[in-house]
Protein backbone atom coordinates (compact mmCIF):
# COMPACT_ATOMS: atom_id res chain seq x y z
CA MET A 1 -31.53 41.63 22.21
CA THR A 2 -28.50 40.64 20.45
CA THR A 3 -25.22 42.37 20.85
CA ILE A 4 -22.45 42.68 18.20
CA SER A 5 -19.03 43.03 19.62
CA GLN A 6 -15.95 44.26 17.67
CA THR A 7 -12.54 44.70 19.07
CA ALA A 8 -11.34 48.32 18.74
CA GLY A 9 -9.48 48.84 15.60
CA ARG A 10 -10.16 45.54 14.02
CA SER A 11 -12.33 44.86 11.23
CA LEU A 12 -14.73 41.95 11.06
CA ARG A 13 -13.91 41.37 7.36
CA PRO A 14 -10.91 38.83 6.82
CA SER A 15 -7.70 40.41 5.95
CA SER A 16 -6.52 40.01 2.29
CA THR A 17 -2.82 39.52 3.56
CA SER A 18 -3.85 36.56 5.45
CA GLY A 19 -4.97 34.89 2.13
CA PHE A 20 -1.84 36.06 0.50
CA PHE A 21 0.34 34.37 3.15
CA SER A 22 -1.80 31.34 3.22
CA THR A 23 -1.19 30.92 -0.51
CA LEU A 24 2.44 31.71 -0.13
CA ALA A 25 2.92 29.22 2.42
CA HIS A 26 1.06 26.56 0.38
CA ALA A 27 3.24 27.17 -2.80
CA ALA A 28 6.45 27.04 -0.52
CA THR A 29 5.23 23.65 0.92
CA ALA A 30 4.29 22.31 -2.47
CA LEU A 31 7.87 23.28 -3.85
CA PHE A 32 9.66 21.63 -1.02
CA ASP A 33 7.26 18.56 -1.47
CA ARG A 34 8.17 18.45 -5.19
CA LEU A 35 12.07 18.95 -4.48
CA GLU A 36 11.95 16.11 -1.86
CA ARG A 37 10.18 13.74 -4.36
CA ARG A 38 12.58 14.61 -7.01
CA THR A 39 15.52 13.82 -4.73
CA ALA A 40 13.87 10.47 -3.63
CA VAL A 41 13.59 9.46 -7.30
CA LYS A 42 17.28 10.43 -8.02
CA THR A 43 18.40 8.47 -5.00
CA LEU A 44 16.34 5.53 -5.85
CA ASN A 45 17.69 5.52 -9.67
CA GLU A 46 21.18 5.59 -8.13
CA LEU A 47 20.47 2.06 -6.52
CA ASP A 48 21.24 -1.33 -8.35
CA ASP A 49 18.56 -3.67 -9.24
CA ARG A 50 19.15 -5.98 -6.43
CA ALA A 51 18.82 -3.22 -3.86
CA LEU A 52 15.55 -2.11 -5.42
CA GLY A 53 14.29 -5.70 -5.32
CA ASP A 54 15.00 -5.86 -1.53
CA ILE A 55 12.75 -2.97 -1.01
CA GLY A 56 10.02 -4.51 -3.37
CA ILE A 57 10.13 -2.20 -6.44
CA THR A 58 11.52 -2.72 -9.87
CA ARG A 59 13.41 0.37 -11.86
CA SER A 60 10.16 0.95 -13.77
CA GLN A 61 8.12 1.47 -10.58
CA ILE A 62 10.37 3.98 -8.95
CA GLU A 63 8.30 7.15 -9.90
CA ASP A 64 5.02 5.41 -9.14
CA ALA A 65 6.33 4.42 -5.70
CA VAL A 66 7.52 7.82 -4.75
CA TYR A 67 4.39 9.80 -6.02
CA GLY A 68 2.09 7.58 -4.21
CA GLN A 69 0.50 5.59 -7.22
CA PHE A 70 1.98 2.24 -6.06
CA LYS A 71 0.60 1.95 -2.60
CA ALA A 72 -1.96 -0.78 -3.42
CA GLU A 73 0.71 -3.25 -4.47
CA LEU A 74 3.15 -2.31 -1.69
CA THR A 75 0.74 -2.65 1.03
CA ARG A 76 -0.08 -6.38 -0.15
CA TYR A 77 3.23 -7.40 1.52
CA LEU A 78 2.78 -5.72 4.75
């Protein structure tokens, strides 16, 4: 015989508010990630070409490096 247990006052259905807060948390994380990447691009653009060369990128590669599209070439030197 199978017994189904339920805590008093709690539904077995998932709460719709938990989905809302999960979506809200995801959106906030995405926003902060976007702002952090924009700040990184701005900071790298303020460097001179010699400093960029020291870290292994050129000015035209800044956005690719920040947004992760440049990983294959960067890891070649590590």
